[in-house]
Amino acid sequence: MYQNHFDPARSVFVAPRKGVYSFSFHVVKVYNRQTIQVSLVLNGWPVISAFAGDQDVTREAATNAGLVMMERGDKAYLKLERGNLMGGWKYSTFSGFLVFPL
């Protein structure tokens, strides 16, 4: 079993209780001449996205944050919708916390 309701093997957060959660993410692209799109996915549906697409910049970040209402057992994770990440997700952050229970 995983601690803190985050499964690091699958990179999935599972809500321990119903409430409003705050999530933020920061993903770095390291190739120029490409665009990346990253989405925060809730139960299979993208709810927040971020883009990085400056064609003349080698390193650029796609960053976003938002509040999401979740039921107990709902799953949240990041999905790379477009582009490639050199080195995988190691230059990225994903965090979340319960703002208030419902």
PDB file of N, CA and C in Angstrom:
ATOM      1  N   MET A   1       0.853  -1.184   0.000  1.00  0.00           N
ATOM      2  CA  MET A   1       0.000   0.000   0.000  1.00  0.00           C
ATOM      3  C   MET A   1       0.892   1.239   0.000  1.00  0.00           C
ATOM      4  N   TYR A   2       0.437   2.291  -0.604  1.00  0.00           N
ATOM      5  CA  TYR A   2       1.206   3.515  -0.712  1.00  0.00           C
ATOM      6  C   TYR A   2       0.783   4.501   0.370  1.00  0.00           C
ATOM      7  N   GLN A   3       1.680   5.391   0.707  1.00  0.00           N
ATOM      8  CA  GLN A   3       1.409   6.396   1.730  1.00  0.00           C
ATOM      9  C   GLN A   3       0.927   7.682   1.088  1.00  0.00           C
ATOM     10  N   ASN A   4       0.279   8.501   1.896  1.00  0.00           N
ATOM     11  CA  ASN A   4      -0.159   9.830   1.467  1.00  0.00           C
ATOM     12  C   ASN A   4      -1.086   9.803   0.257  1.00  0.00           C
ATOM     13  N   HIS A   5      -1.649   8.649  -0.072  1.00  0.00           N
ATOM     14  CA  HIS A   5      -2.641   8.502  -1.133  1.00  0.00           C
ATOM     15  C   HIS A   5      -2.095   8.784  -2.525  1.00  0.00           C
ATOM     16  N   PHE A   6      -0.776   8.728  -2.668  1.00  0.00           N
ATOM     17  CA  PHE A   6      -0.154   8.852  -3.987  1.00  0.00           C
ATOM     18  C   PHE A   6       0.562   7.552  -4.286  1.00  0.00           C
ATOM     19  N   ASP A   7       0.246   6.950  -5.417  1.00  0.00           N
ATOM     20  CA  ASP A   7       0.874   5.703  -5.851  1.00  0.00           C
ATOM     21  C   ASP A   7       2.032   6.062  -6.782  1.00  0.00           C
ATOM     22  N   PRO A   8       3.271   6.033  -6.296  1.00  0.00           N
ATOM     23  CA  PRO A   8       4.401   6.447  -7.137  1.00  0.00           C
ATOM     24  C   PRO A   8       4.677   5.492  -8.301  1.00  0.00           C
ATOM     25  N   ALA A   9       4.275   4.246  -8.186  1.00  0.00           N
ATOM     26  CA  ALA A   9       4.509   3.303  -9.281  1.00  0.00           C
ATOM     27  C   ALA A   9       3.655   3.648 -10.496  1.00  0.00           C
ATOM     28  N   ARG A  10       2.456   4.172 -10.272  1.00  0.00           N
ATOM     29  CA  ARG A  10       1.565   4.536 -11.369  1.00  0.00           C
ATOM     30  C   ARG A  10       1.421   6.049 -11.518  1.00  0.00           C
ATOM     31  N   SER A  11       2.018   6.815 -10.601  1.00  0.00           N
ATOM     32  CA  SER A  11       1.920   8.290 -10.588  1.00  0.00           C
ATOM     33  C   SER A  11       0.475   8.760 -10.538  1.00  0.00           C
ATOM     34  N   VAL A  12      -0.303   8.136  -9.661  1.00  0.00           N
ATOM     35  CA  VAL A  12      -1.721   8.444  -9.528  1.00  0.00           C
ATOM     36  C   VAL A  12      -2.031   8.828  -8.088  1.00  0.00           C
ATOM     37  N   PHE A  13      -2.778   9.935  -7.921  1.00  0.00           N
ATOM     38  CA  PHE A  13      -3.284  10.333  -6.611  1.00  0.00           C
ATOM     39  C   PHE A  13      -4.699   9.796  -6.479  1.00  0.00           C
ATOM     40  N   VAL A  14      -4.999   9.165  -5.331  1.00  0.00           N
ATOM     41  CA  VAL A  14      -6.335   8.652  -5.049  1.00  0.00           C
ATOM     42  C   VAL A  14      -6.894   9.429  -3.866  1.00  0.00           C
ATOM     43  N   ALA A  15      -8.021  10.088  -4.071  1.00  0.00           N
ATOM     44  CA  ALA A  15      -8.616  10.935  -3.024  1.00  0.00           C
ATOM     45  C   ALA A  15      -9.051  10.071  -1.836  1.00  0.00           C
ATOM     46  N   PRO A  16      -8.584  10.406  -0.634  1.00  0.00           N
ATOM     47  CA  PRO A  16      -8.962   9.639   0.550  1.00  0.00           C
ATOM     48  C   PRO A  16     -10.359   9.984   1.061  1.00  0.00           C
ATOM     49  N   ARG A  17     -10.879  11.152   0.632  1.00  0.00           N
ATOM     50  CA  ARG A  17     -12.206  11.583   1.093  1.00  0.00           C
ATOM     51  C   ARG A  17     -12.770  12.603   0.116  1.00  0.00           C
ATOM     52  N   LYS A  18     -14.068  12.814   0.203  1.00  0.00           N
ATOM     53  CA  LYS A  18     -14.727  13.806  -0.641  1.00  0.00           C
ATOM     54  C   LYS A  18     -14.289  15.197  -0.207  1.00  0.00           C
ATOM     55  N   GLY A  19     -13.987  16.054  -1.189  1.00  0.00           N
ATOM     56  CA  GLY A  19     -13.582  17.407  -0.859  1.00  0.00           C
ATOM     57  C   GLY A  19     -13.082  18.169  -2.061  1.00  0.00           C
ATOM     58  N   VAL A  20     -12.624  19.379  -1.804  1.00  0.00           N
ATOM     59  CA  VAL A  20     -12.019  20.224  -2.833  1.00  0.00           C
ATOM     60  C   VAL A  20     -10.504  20.130  -2.669  1.00  0.00           C
ATOM     61  N   TYR A  21      -9.825  19.786  -3.747  1.00  0.00           N
ATOM     62  CA  TYR A  21      -8.379  19.597  -3.743  1.00  0.00           C
ATOM     63  C   TYR A  21      -7.721  20.631  -4.644  1.00  0.00           C
ATOM     64  N   SER A  22      -6.550  21.061  -4.250  1.00  0.00           N
ATOM     65  CA  SER A  22      -5.733  21.952  -5.060  1.00  0.00           C
ATOM     66  C   SER A  22      -4.620  21.126  -5.701  1.00  0.00           C
ATOM     67  N   PHE A  23      -4.449  21.273  -7.009  1.00  0.00           N
ATOM     68  CA  PHE A  23      -3.372  20.599  -7.727  1.00  0.00           C
ATOM     69  C   PHE A  23      -2.562  21.629  -8.500  1.00  0.00           C
ATOM     70  N   SER A  24      -1.270  21.371  -8.614  1.00  0.00           N
ATOM     71  CA  SER A  24      -0.404  22.192  -9.455  1.00  0.00           C
ATOM     72  C   SER A  24       0.615  21.283 -10.131  1.00  0.00           C
ATOM     73  N   PHE A  25       1.063  21.711 -11.315  1.00  0.00           N
ATOM     74  CA  PHE A  25       2.085  20.938 -12.013  1.00  0.00           C
ATOM     75  C   PHE A  25       2.970  21.865 -12.833  1.00  0.00           C
ATOM     76  N   HIS A  26       4.186  21.401 -13.048  1.00  0.00           N
ATOM     77  CA  HIS A  26       5.221  22.154 -13.754  1.00  0.00           C
ATOM     78  C   HIS A  26       6.017  21.129 -14.553  1.00  0.00           C
ATOM     79  N   VAL A  27       5.928  21.198 -15.875  1.00  0.00           N
ATOM     80  CA  VAL A  27       6.575  20.218 -16.750  1.00  0.00           C
ATOM     81  C   VAL A  27       7.497  20.970 -17.699  1.00  0.00           C
ATOM     82  N   VAL A  28       8.743  20.508 -17.818  1.00  0.00           N
ATOM     83  CA  VAL A  28       9.742  21.187 -18.639  1.00  0.00           C
ATOM     84  C   VAL A  28       9.963  20.431 -19.944  1.00  0.00           C
ATOM     85  N   LYS A  29       9.862  21.158 -21.058  1.00  0.00           N
ATOM     86  CA  LYS A  29      10.244  20.578 -22.352  1.00  0.00           C
ATOM     87  C   LYS A  29      11.679  21.003 -22.637  1.00  0.00           C
ATOM     88  N   VAL A  30      12.437  20.113 -23.215  1.00  0.00           N
ATOM     89  CA  VAL A  30      13.843  20.434 -23.471  1.00  0.00           C
ATOM     90  C   VAL A  30      14.225  20.308 -24.939  1.00  0.00           C
ATOM     91  N   TYR A  31      13.255  20.199 -25.802  1.00  0.00           N
ATOM     92  CA  TYR A  31      13.518  20.215 -27.246  1.00  0.00           C
ATOM     93  C   TYR A  31      12.947  21.504 -27.813  1.00  0.00           C
ATOM     94  N   ASN A  32      13.652  22.123 -28.743  1.00  0.00           N
ATOM     95  CA  ASN A  32      13.037  23.254 -29.425  1.00  0.00           C
ATOM     96  C   ASN A  32      12.271  22.733 -30.638  1.00  0.00           C
ATOM     97  N   ARG A  33      11.507  23.600 -31.234  1.00  0.00           N
ATOM     98  CA  ARG A  33      10.694  23.284 -32.403  1.00  0.00           C
ATOM     99  C   ARG A  33       9.644  22.202 -32.141  1.00  0.00           C
ATOM    100  N   GLN A  34       9.113  22.205 -30.950  1.00  0.00           N
ATOM    101  CA  GLN A  34       8.000  21.316 -30.648  1.00  0.00           C
ATOM    102  C   GLN A  34       7.096  21.967 -29.614  1.00  0.00           C
ATOM    103  N   THR A  35       5.892  21.496 -29.533  1.00  0.00           N
ATOM    104  CA  THR A  35       4.940  21.950 -28.525  1.00  0.00           C
ATOM    105  C   THR A  35       4.591  20.771 -27.635  1.00  0.00           C
ATOM    106  N   ILE A  36       4.481  21.035 -26.333  1.00  0.00           N
ATOM    107  CA  ILE A  36       3.964  20.009 -25.440  1.00  0.00           C
ATOM    108  C   ILE A  36       2.638  20.491 -24.858  1.00  0.00           C
ATOM    109  N   GLN A  37       1.781  19.550 -24.597  1.00  0.00           N
ATOM    110  CA  GLN A  37       0.531  19.796 -23.887  1.00  0.00           C
ATOM    111  C   GLN A  37       0.434  18.767 -22.782  1.00  0.00           C
ATOM    112  N   VAL A  38       0.229  19.247 -21.566  1.00  0.00           N
ATOM    113  CA  VAL A  38       0.095  18.380 -20.400  1.00  0.00           C
ATOM    114  C   VAL A  38      -1.258  18.658 -19.765  1.00  0.00           C
ATOM    115  N   SER A  39      -1.961  17.591 -19.377  1.00  0.00           N
ATOM    116  CA  SER A  39      -3.271  17.749 -18.755  1.00  0.00           C
ATOM    117  C   SER A  39      -3.311  17.076 -17.394  1.00  0.00           C
ATOM    118  N   LEU A  40      -4.031  17.698 -16.475  1.00  0.00           N
ATOM    119  CA  LEU A  40      -4.405  17.045 -15.228  1.00  0.00           C
ATOM    120  C   LEU A  40      -5.673  16.273 -15.542  1.00  0.00           C
ATOM    121  N   VAL A  41      -5.637  14.966 -15.322  1.00  0.00           N
ATOM    122  CA  VAL A  41      -6.746  14.087 -15.673  1.00  0.00           C
ATOM    123  C   VAL A  41      -7.424  13.617 -14.393  1.00  0.00           C
ATOM    124  N   LEU A  42      -8.749  13.733 -14.360  1.00  0.00           N
ATOM    125  CA  LEU A  42      -9.547  13.274 -13.228  1.00  0.00           C
ATOM    126  C   LEU A  42     -10.469  12.166 -13.720  1.00  0.00           C
ATOM    127  N   ASN A  43     -10.223  10.961 -13.218  1.00  0.00           N
ATOM    128  CA  ASN A  43     -11.034   9.791 -13.609  1.00  0.00           C
ATOM    129  C   ASN A  43     -11.134   9.628 -15.122  1.00  0.00           C
ATOM    130  N   GLY A  44     -10.014   9.844 -15.819  1.00  0.00           N
ATOM    131  CA  GLY A  44      -9.970   9.642 -17.258  1.00  0.00           C
ATOM    132  C   GLY A  44     -10.334  10.847 -18.104  1.00  0.00           C
ATOM    133  N   TRP A  45     -10.735  11.953 -17.483  1.00  0.00           N
ATOM    134  CA  TRP A  45     -11.136  13.159 -18.220  1.00  0.00           C
ATOM    135  C   TRP A  45     -10.182  14.311 -17.935  1.00  0.00           C
ATOM    136  N   PRO A  46      -9.621  14.945 -18.965  1.00  0.00           N
ATOM    137  CA  PRO A  46      -8.754  16.111 -18.727  1.00  0.00           C
ATOM    138  C   PRO A  46      -9.568  17.279 -18.185  1.00  0.00           C
ATOM    139  N   VAL A  47      -9.067  17.901 -17.114  1.00  0.00           N
ATOM    140  CA  VAL A  47      -9.791  19.022 -16.504  1.00  0.00           C
ATOM    141  C   VAL A  47      -8.996  20.328 -16.535  1.00  0.00           C
ATOM    142  N   ILE A  48      -7.691  20.242 -16.593  1.00  0.00           N
ATOM    143  CA  ILE A  48      -6.823  21.423 -16.660  1.00  0.00           C
ATOM    144  C   ILE A  48      -5.666  21.073 -17.595  1.00  0.00           C
ATOM    145  N   SER A  49      -5.308  21.976 -18.500  1.00  0.00           N
ATOM    146  CA  SER A  49      -4.181  21.729 -19.402  1.00  0.00           C
ATOM    147  C   SER A  49      -3.198  22.891 -19.373  1.00  0.00           C
ATOM    148  N   ALA A  50      -1.993  22.619 -19.824  1.00  0.00           N
ATOM    149  CA  ALA A  50      -0.961  23.649 -19.972  1.00  0.00           C
ATOM    150  C   ALA A  50      -0.167  23.336 -21.231  1.00  0.00           C
ATOM    151  N   PHE A  51       0.335  24.392 -21.860  1.00  0.00           N
ATOM    152  CA  PHE A  51       1.078  24.264 -23.108  1.00  0.00           C
ATOM    153  C   PHE A  51       2.425  24.966 -22.981  1.00  0.00           C
ATOM    154  N   ALA A  52       3.414  24.449 -23.691  1.00  0.00           N
ATOM    155  CA  ALA A  52       4.694  25.133 -23.894  1.00  0.00           C
ATOM    156  C   ALA A  52       5.037  24.918 -25.356  1.00  0.00           C
ATOM    157  N   GLY A  53       5.183  26.018 -26.105  1.00  0.00           N
ATOM    158  CA  GLY A  53       5.361  25.840 -27.536  1.00  0.00           C
ATOM    159  C   GLY A  53       6.191  26.874 -28.246  1.00  0.00           C
ATOM    160  N   ASP A  54       7.015  27.603 -27.522  1.00  0.00           N
ATOM    161  CA  ASP A  54       7.879  28.580 -28.189  1.00  0.00           C
ATOM    162  C   ASP A  54       8.897  27.819 -29.034  1.00  0.00           C
ATOM    163  N   GLN A  55       8.891  28.043 -30.329  1.00  0.00           N
ATOM    164  CA  GLN A  55       9.737  27.283 -31.250  1.00  0.00           C
ATOM    165  C   GLN A  55      11.222  27.635 -31.164  1.00  0.00           C
ATOM    166  N   ASP A  56      11.559  28.774 -30.556  1.00  0.00           N
ATOM    167  CA  ASP A  56      12.960  29.204 -30.497  1.00  0.00           C
ATOM    168  C   ASP A  56      13.594  29.001 -29.131  1.00  0.00           C
ATOM    169  N   VAL A  57      12.863  28.381 -28.204  1.00  0.00           N
ATOM    170  CA  VAL A  57      13.368  28.185 -26.849  1.00  0.00           C
ATOM    171  C   VAL A  57      13.591  26.699 -26.614  1.00  0.00           C
ATOM    172  N   THR A  58      14.786  26.333 -26.155  1.00  0.00           N
ATOM    173  CA  THR A  58      15.092  24.929 -25.904  1.00  0.00           C
ATOM    174  C   THR A  58      14.411  24.435 -24.641  1.00  0.00           C
ATOM    175  N   ARG A  59      14.477  25.194 -23.557  1.00  0.00           N
ATOM    176  CA  ARG A  59      13.856  24.787 -22.305  1.00  0.00           C
ATOM    177  C   ARG A  59      12.710  25.744 -21.984  1.00  0.00           C
ATOM    178  N   GLU A  60      11.537  25.165 -21.807  1.00  0.00           N
ATOM    179  CA  GLU A  60      10.355  25.961 -21.530  1.00  0.00           C
ATOM    180  C   GLU A  60       9.435  25.118 -20.655  1.00  0.00           C
ATOM    181  N   ALA A  61       8.646  25.771 -19.813  1.00  0.00           N
ATOM    182  CA  ALA A  61       7.781  25.053 -18.882  1.00  0.00           C
ATOM    183  C   ALA A  61       6.310  25.218 -19.225  1.00  0.00           C
ATOM    184  N   ALA A  62       5.576  24.134 -19.046  1.00  0.00           N
ATOM    185  CA  ALA A  62       4.117  24.150 -19.095  1.00  0.00           C
ATOM    186  C   ALA A  62       3.651  24.027 -17.646  1.00  0.00           C
ATOM    187  N   THR A  63       2.977  25.059 -17.146  1.00  0.00           N
ATOM    188  CA  THR A  63       2.610  25.128 -15.730  1.00  0.00           C
ATOM    189  C   THR A  63       1.145  25.500 -15.591  1.00  0.00           C
ATOM    190  N   ASN A  64       0.479  24.886 -14.617  1.00  0.00           N
ATOM    191  CA  ASN A  64      -0.893  25.255 -14.346  1.00  0.00           C
ATOM    192  C   ASN A  64      -1.271  24.770 -12.950  1.00  0.00           C
ATOM    193  N   ALA A  65      -2.401  25.271 -12.455  1.00  0.00           N
ATOM    194  CA  ALA A  65      -2.912  24.886 -11.143  1.00  0.00           C
ATOM    195  C   ALA A  65      -4.412  25.124 -11.126  1.00  0.00           C
ATOM    196  N   GLY A  66      -5.088  24.429 -10.236  1.00  0.00           N
ATOM    197  CA  GLY A  66      -6.527  24.639 -10.127  1.00  0.00           C
ATOM    198  C   GLY A  66      -7.125  23.866  -8.975  1.00  0.00           C
ATOM    199  N   LEU A  67      -8.387  24.164  -8.707  1.00  0.00           N
ATOM    200  CA  LEU A  67      -9.146  23.481  -7.671  1.00  0.00           C
ATOM    201  C   LEU A  67     -10.083  22.480  -8.328  1.00  0.00           C
ATOM    202  N   VAL A  68     -10.169  21.280  -7.744  1.00  0.00           N
ATOM    203  CA  VAL A  68     -10.982  20.213  -8.305  1.00  0.00           C
ATOM    204  C   VAL A  68     -11.775  19.562  -7.179  1.00  0.00           C
ATOM    205  N   MET A  69     -13.082  19.379  -7.400  1.00  0.00           N
ATOM    206  CA  MET A  69     -13.882  18.653  -6.423  1.00  0.00           C
ATOM    207  C   MET A  69     -13.760  17.159  -6.717  1.00  0.00           C
ATOM    208  N   MET A  70     -13.442  16.382  -5.679  1.00  0.00           N
ATOM    209  CA  MET A  70     -13.241  14.947  -5.845  1.00  0.00           C
ATOM    210  C   MET A  70     -14.083  14.171  -4.841  1.00  0.00           C
ATOM    211  N   GLU A  71     -14.522  13.008  -5.263  1.00  0.00           N
ATOM    212  CA  GLU A  71     -15.183  12.049  -4.381  1.00  0.00           C
ATOM    213  C   GLU A  71     -14.120  11.100  -3.839  1.00  0.00           C
ATOM    214  N   ARG A  72     -14.411  10.443  -2.742  1.00  0.00           N
ATOM    215  CA  ARG A  72     -13.481   9.443  -2.212  1.00  0.00           C
ATOM    216  C   ARG A  72     -13.233   8.378  -3.278  1.00  0.00           C
ATOM    217  N   GLY A  73     -11.956   8.063  -3.516  1.00  0.00           N
ATOM    218  CA  GLY A  73     -11.572   7.063  -4.505  1.00  0.00           C
ATOM    219  C   GLY A  73     -11.340   7.600  -5.902  1.00  0.00           C
ATOM    220  N   ASP A  74     -11.668   8.871  -6.164  1.00  0.00           N
ATOM    221  CA  ASP A  74     -11.374   9.466  -7.469  1.00  0.00           C
ATOM    222  C   ASP A  74      -9.865   9.483  -7.693  1.00  0.00           C
ATOM    223  N   LYS A  75      -9.473   9.390  -8.966  1.00  0.00           N
ATOM    224  CA  LYS A  75      -8.049   9.341  -9.316  1.00  0.00           C
ATOM    225  C   LYS A  75      -7.660  10.556 -10.148  1.00  0.00           C
ATOM    226  N   ALA A  76      -6.510  11.144  -9.820  1.00  0.00           N
ATOM    227  CA  ALA A  76      -5.967  12.283 -10.563  1.00  0.00           C
ATOM    228  C   ALA A  76      -4.522  11.971 -10.952  1.00  0.00           C
ATOM    229  N   TYR A  77      -4.165  12.346 -12.183  1.00  0.00           N
ATOM    230  CA  TYR A  77      -2.807  12.121 -12.663  1.00  0.00           C
ATOM    231  C   TYR A  77      -2.523  13.061 -13.827  1.00  0.00           C
ATOM    232  N   LEU A  78      -1.248  13.156 -14.210  1.00  0.00           N
ATOM    233  CA  LEU A  78      -0.857  13.965 -15.364  1.00  0.00           C
ATOM    234  C   LEU A  78      -0.749  13.091 -16.596  1.00  0.00           C
ATOM    235  N   LYS A  79      -1.103  13.676 -17.741  1.00  0.00           N
ATOM    236  CA  LYS A  79      -0.990  12.968 -19.013  1.00  0.00           C
ATOM    237  C   LYS A  79      -0.346  13.894 -20.030  1.00  0.00           C
ATOM    238  N   LEU A  80       0.681  13.405 -20.694  1.00  0.00           N
ATOM    239  CA  LEU A  80       1.315  14.147 -21.782  1.00  0.00           C
ATOM    240  C   LEU A  80       0.463  13.935 -23.026  1.00  0.00           C
ATOM    241  N   GLU A  81      -0.252  14.973 -23.440  1.00  0.00           N
ATOM    242  CA  GLU A  81      -1.183  14.879 -24.571  1.00  0.00           C
ATOM    243  C   GLU A  81      -0.472  15.048 -25.916  1.00  0.00           C
ATOM    244  N   ARG A  82       0.592  15.861 -25.912  1.00  0.00           N
ATOM    245  CA  ARG A  82       1.312  16.152 -27.153  1.00  0.00           C
ATOM    246  C   ARG A  82       2.771  16.445 -26.835  1.00  0.00           C
ATOM    247  N   GLY A  83       3.689  16.003 -27.707  1.00  0.00           N
ATOM    248  CA  GLY A  83       5.107  16.303 -27.545  1.00  0.00           C
ATOM    249  C   GLY A  83       5.876  15.189 -26.854  1.00  0.00           C
ATOM    250  N   ASN A  84       7.145  15.467 -26.565  1.00  0.00           N
ATOM    251  CA  ASN A  84       8.041  14.513 -25.910  1.00  0.00           C
ATOM    252  C   ASN A  84       8.765  15.207 -24.772  1.00  0.00           C
ATOM    253  N   LEU A  85       9.078  14.433 -23.753  1.00  0.00           N
ATOM    254  CA  LEU A  85       9.850  14.942 -22.623  1.00  0.00           C
ATOM    255  C   LEU A  85      11.184  14.225 -22.571  1.00  0.00           C
ATOM    256  N   MET A  86      12.279  14.950 -22.779  1.00  0.00           N
ATOM    257  CA  MET A  86      13.595  14.360 -22.670  1.00  0.00           C
ATOM    258  C   MET A  86      13.848  14.015 -21.208  1.00  0.00           C
ATOM    259  N   GLY A  87      14.232  12.780 -20.954  1.00  0.00           N
ATOM    260  CA  GLY A  87      14.461  12.361 -19.579  1.00  0.00           C
ATOM    261  C   GLY A  87      13.174  11.995 -18.852  1.00  0.00           C
ATOM    262  N   GLY A  88      12.086  11.857 -19.586  1.00  0.00           N
ATOM    263  CA  GLY A  88      10.815  11.504 -18.958  1.00  0.00           C
ATOM    264  C   GLY A  88      10.302  12.626 -18.075  1.00  0.00           C
ATOM    265  N   TRP A  89       9.758  12.260 -16.940  1.00  0.00           N
ATOM    266  CA  TRP A  89       9.118  13.215 -16.040  1.00  0.00           C
ATOM    267  C   TRP A  89      10.069  13.744 -14.972  1.00  0.00           C
ATOM    268  N   LYS A  90      11.364  13.435 -15.053  1.00  0.00           N
ATOM    269  CA  LYS A  90      12.271  13.783 -13.943  1.00  0.00           C
ATOM    270  C   LYS A  90      12.461  15.282 -13.737  1.00  0.00           C
ATOM    271  N   TYR A  91      12.142  16.105 -14.724  1.00  0.00           N
ATOM    272  CA  TYR A  91      12.254  17.558 -14.565  1.00  0.00           C
ATOM    273  C   TYR A  91      10.907  18.189 -14.257  1.00  0.00           C
ATOM    274  N   SER A  92       9.969  17.395 -13.789  1.00  0.00           N
ATOM    275  CA  SER A  92       8.602  17.850 -13.590  1.00  0.00           C
ATOM    276  C   SER A  92       8.173  17.718 -12.138  1.00  0.00           C
ATOM    277  N   THR A  93       7.170  18.524 -11.758  1.00  0.00           N
ATOM    278  CA  THR A  93       6.589  18.414 -10.423  1.00  0.00           C
ATOM    279  C   THR A  93       5.074  18.290 -10.550  1.00  0.00           C
ATOM    280  N   PHE A  94       4.483  17.603  -9.587  1.00  0.00           N
ATOM    281  CA  PHE A  94       3.035  17.417  -9.516  1.00  0.00           C
ATOM    282  C   PHE A  94       2.701  17.351  -8.043  1.00  0.00           C
ATOM    283  N   SER A  95       1.866  18.271  -7.580  1.00  0.00           N
ATOM    284  CA  SER A  95       1.531  18.268  -6.159  1.00  0.00           C
ATOM    285  C   SER A  95       0.062  18.591  -5.964  1.00  0.00           C
ATOM    286  N   GLY A  96      -0.457  18.153  -4.843  1.00  0.00           N
ATOM    287  CA  GLY A  96      -1.849  18.415  -4.531  1.00  0.00           C
ATOM    288  C   GLY A  96      -2.119  18.259  -3.042  1.00  0.00           C
ATOM    289  N   PHE A  97      -3.208  18.871  -2.602  1.00  0.00           N
ATOM    290  CA  PHE A  97      -3.591  18.751  -1.198  1.00  0.00           C
ATOM    291  C   PHE A  97      -5.074  19.047  -1.040  1.00  0.00           C
ATOM    292  N   LEU A  98      -5.635  18.565   0.043  1.00  0.00           N
ATOM    293  CA  LEU A  98      -7.047  18.806   0.362  1.00  0.00           C
ATOM    294  C   LEU A  98      -7.191  20.237   0.875  1.00  0.00           C
ATOM    295  N   VAL A  99      -8.025  21.037   0.210  1.00  0.00           N
ATOM    296  CA  VAL A  99      -8.286  22.405   0.644  1.00  0.00           C
ATOM    297  C   VAL A  99      -9.317  22.390   1.764  1.00  0.00           C
ATOM    298  N   PHE A 100     -10.436  21.707   1.524  1.00  0.00           N
ATOM    299  CA  PHE A 100     -11.422  21.510   2.582  1.00  0.00           C
ATOM    300  C   PHE A 100     -12.306  20.313   2.244  1.00  0.00           C
ATOM    301  N   PRO A 101     -12.680  19.540   3.281  1.00  0.00           N
ATOM    302  CA  PRO A 101     -13.541  18.378   3.073  1.00  0.00           C
ATOM    303  C   PRO A 101     -14.987  18.808   2.870  1.00  0.00           C
ATOM    304  N   LEU A 102     -15.748  17.951   2.198  1.00  0.00           N
ATOM    305  CA  LEU A 102     -17.184  18.202   1.982  1.00  0.00           C
ATOM    306  C   LEU A 102     -17.994  17.099   2.673  1.00  0.00           C
TER     307      LEU A 102
END
